């Protein structure tokens, strides 16, 4: 059985700014068909809208405002609108 990479990733709602850290894991095998992505723990105030083994297709819902967004996305922030640290 392949080992799993585990890491934390900050989630931040672009609508209301609600944020927290998700604990995630995925297979060491980086081939797209075998990535086996999983969110092991979502931060308080976020829920899964649509789960997928591909992080680009996994959709999260913000419990504060209801905004939906992909777990892994390319985001363009307006000047001064970068995520808060």
Protein backbone atom coordinates (compact mmCIF):
# COMPACT_ATOMS: atom_id res chain seq x y z
CA UNK A 1 0.00 0.00 0.00
CA UNK A 2 1.30 3.44 -0.90
CA UNK A 3 2.10 5.95 1.80
CA UNK A 4 -0.04 9.06 2.17
CA UNK A 5 1.16 12.65 2.18
CA UNK A 6 -0.58 14.71 4.90
CA UNK A 7 -0.70 18.47 5.08
CA UNK A 8 -2.76 21.45 6.25
CA UNK A 9 -4.21 24.03 3.91
CA UNK A 10 -5.82 27.32 4.78
CA UNK A 11 -9.35 27.78 3.49
CA UNK A 12 -10.67 31.30 3.16
CA UNK A 13 -14.05 32.34 1.84
CA UNK A 14 -13.63 35.08 -0.74
CA UNK A 15 -17.12 36.43 0.07
CA UNK A 16 -16.98 36.93 3.83
CA UNK A 17 -13.35 36.21 4.83
CA UNK A 18 -14.21 33.27 7.13
CA UNK A 19 -11.11 31.06 7.37
CA UNK A 20 -9.63 27.96 8.95
CA UNK A 21 -7.23 25.12 8.26
CA UNK A 22 -8.24 21.82 6.63
CA UNK A 23 -6.28 18.63 7.31
CA UNK A 24 -5.90 16.69 4.07
CA UNK A 25 -4.12 13.63 2.72
CA UNK A 26 -3.41 12.08 -0.65
CA UNK A 27 -1.54 9.11 -2.06
CA UNK A 28 2.19 9.42 -2.79
CA UNK A 29 1.38 8.37 -6.37
CA UNK A 30 0.99 11.67 -8.24
CA UNK A 31 -0.62 10.19 -11.36
CA UNK A 32 -4.04 11.90 -11.64
CA UNK A 33 -6.02 8.65 -11.73
CA UNK A 34 -4.39 7.46 -8.49
CA UNK A 35 -4.12 10.65 -6.47
CA UNK A 36 -6.77 9.55 -3.91
CA UNK A 37 -7.23 13.01 -2.35
CA UNK A 38 -9.19 13.19 0.93
CA UNK A 39 -10.10 15.92 3.38
CA UNK A 40 -9.59 14.31 6.76
CA UNK A 41 -10.86 17.26 8.81
CA UNK A 42 -12.58 20.49 7.80
CA UNK A 43 -12.35 23.59 9.99
CA UNK A 44 -15.44 24.74 11.89
CA UNK A 45 -17.85 26.63 9.68
CA UNK A 46 -17.03 24.81 6.42
CA UNK A 47 -18.71 21.76 4.90
CA UNK A 48 -18.35 19.55 1.85
CA UNK A 49 -20.65 20.51 -1.01
CA UNK A 50 -19.23 17.98 -3.51
CA UNK A 51 -16.50 15.46 -2.70
CA UNK A 52 -13.97 14.17 -5.21
CA UNK A 53 -10.62 12.39 -5.24
CA UNK A 54 -9.36 15.33 -7.36
CA UNK A 55 -8.73 18.49 -5.26
CA UNK A 56 -9.58 20.70 -8.26
CA UNK A 57 -13.11 19.22 -8.30
CA UNK A 58 -13.70 19.10 -4.51
CA UNK A 59 -16.20 21.84 -3.59
CA UNK A 60 -16.44 23.44 -0.13
CA UNK A 61 -19.33 25.51 1.27
CA UNK A 62 -18.79 28.34 3.74
CA UNK A 63 -21.20 27.95 6.66
CA UNK A 64 -21.07 31.68 7.41
CA UNK A 65 -22.38 33.00 4.08
CA UNK A 66 -23.13 29.91 1.94
CA UNK A 67 -20.53 30.71 -0.74
CA UNK A 68 -19.22 27.63 -2.61
CA UNK A 69 -15.63 27.31 -3.86
CA UNK A 70 -13.20 24.65 -5.02
CA UNK A 71 -10.64 23.32 -2.55
CA UNK A 72 -7.77 23.85 -4.99
CA UNK A 73 -8.24 26.83 -7.24
CA UNK A 74 -6.27 29.50 -9.02
CA UNK A 75 -7.29 32.75 -7.41
CA UNK A 76 -6.63 36.26 -8.62
CA UNK A 77 -6.94 38.76 -5.77
CA UNK A 78 -7.47 42.45 -6.24
CA UNK A 79 -4.56 44.61 -5.00
CA UNK A 80 -4.67 44.66 -1.22
CA UNK A 81 -7.14 41.76 -1.18
CA UNK A 82 -4.67 38.94 -0.60
CA UNK A 83 -5.58 36.33 2.02
CA UNK A 84 -5.10 37.42 5.61
CA UNK A 85 -2.21 35.75 7.46
